[in-house]
Amino acid sequence: MKLYTNNAVDKIVQQYIDKGGEIEVKKEGCLASYGLAICSGNGLKFCVIKEKYLNEWSSGNTIQLFNKLPKKYI
């Protein structure tokens, strides 16, 4: 799975907000802004952002896009 930087995640979140979408933070992250966040909007895919632990000093983010949000994220 590809890892994204915090700056890349912030750009994606801003794109969702600019298109009238919203972001819901389900779990706060330790080193990053989001531990688990879900972006959604009318006519937009669901975007699930998860923080991935790398070591004591750094973390990355994974991003998954879904047409229909899986039940485990509801």
Protein backbone atom coordinates (compact mmCIF):
# COMPACT_ATOMS: atom_id res chain seq x y z
CA MET A 1 0.00 0.00 0.00
CA LYS A 2 1.30 3.44 -0.91
CA LEU A 3 2.10 5.89 1.89
CA TYR A 4 1.31 9.60 1.61
CA THR A 5 2.79 12.58 3.45
CA ASN A 6 0.75 14.88 5.67
CA ASN A 7 0.97 17.61 3.00
CA ALA A 8 -0.54 15.28 0.37
CA VAL A 9 -3.36 14.34 2.73
CA ASP A 10 -4.06 18.00 3.51
CA LYS A 11 -4.33 18.73 -0.25
CA ILE A 12 -6.83 15.90 -0.75
CA VAL A 13 -8.91 17.06 2.22
CA GLN A 14 -8.89 20.62 0.87
CA GLN A 15 -10.05 19.36 -2.54
CA TYR A 16 -13.02 17.61 -0.91
CA ILE A 17 -13.90 20.76 1.03
CA ASP A 18 -13.61 22.93 -2.10
CA LYS A 19 -16.03 20.61 -3.94
CA GLY A 20 -18.61 20.87 -1.15
CA GLY A 21 -17.59 17.68 0.65
CA GLU A 22 -16.99 17.15 4.33
CA ILE A 23 -14.51 15.34 6.52
CA GLU A 24 -15.30 13.31 9.62
CA VAL A 25 -12.42 12.45 11.94
CA LYS A 26 -13.25 9.15 13.64
CA LYS A 27 -9.96 8.82 15.53
CA GLU A 28 -7.26 11.37 16.26
CA GLY A 29 -3.74 10.53 15.15
CA CYS A 30 -0.62 10.40 17.28
CA LEU A 31 1.92 11.98 14.96
CA ALA A 32 -0.33 13.17 12.14
CA SER A 33 -3.56 15.12 12.00
CA TYR A 34 -5.78 12.12 11.33
CA GLY A 35 -5.72 8.65 12.80
CA LEU A 36 -8.83 7.68 10.85
CA ALA A 37 -10.79 10.15 8.75
CA ILE A 38 -13.54 9.76 6.17
CA CYS A 39 -14.13 12.31 3.41
CA SER A 40 -17.44 12.30 1.58
CA GLY A 41 -19.64 14.49 -0.57
CA ASN A 42 -22.38 14.50 -3.21
CA GLY A 43 -21.05 12.98 -6.41
CA LEU A 44 -17.67 12.22 -4.80
CA LYS A 45 -16.14 8.90 -3.84
CA PHE A 46 -15.64 8.08 -0.19
CA CYS A 47 -12.04 8.63 0.87
CA VAL A 48 -10.72 6.77 3.92
CA ILE A 49 -7.49 8.17 5.38
CA LYS A 50 -5.62 6.10 7.97
CA GLU A 51 -2.41 6.83 9.83
CA LYS A 52 0.20 4.08 9.58
CA TYR A 53 2.87 3.73 12.26
CA LEU A 54 6.43 3.51 10.90
CA ASN A 55 8.60 4.04 13.99
CA GLU A 56 8.79 6.21 17.12
CA TRP A 57 9.52 9.36 15.12
CA SER A 58 7.48 9.08 11.97
CA SER A 59 4.26 7.87 10.45
CA GLY A 60 2.63 7.83 7.03
CA ASN A 61 -0.91 7.90 5.74
CA THR A 62 -2.79 5.47 3.55
CA ILE A 63 -5.66 6.57 1.34
CA GLN A 64 -8.40 4.34 -0.05
CA LEU A 65 -11.24 5.41 -2.34
CA PHE A 66 -14.60 3.63 -2.34
CA ASN A 67 -17.80 4.03 -4.36
CA LYS A 68 -19.76 2.68 -1.39
CA LEU A 69 -18.48 3.05 2.16
CA PRO A 70 -17.78 -0.35 3.80
CA LYS A 71 -19.80 -1.18 6.93
CA LYS A 72 -16.75 -1.23 9.20
CA TYR A 73 -16.29 2.54 8.67
CA ILE A 74 -19.95 3.52 9.28
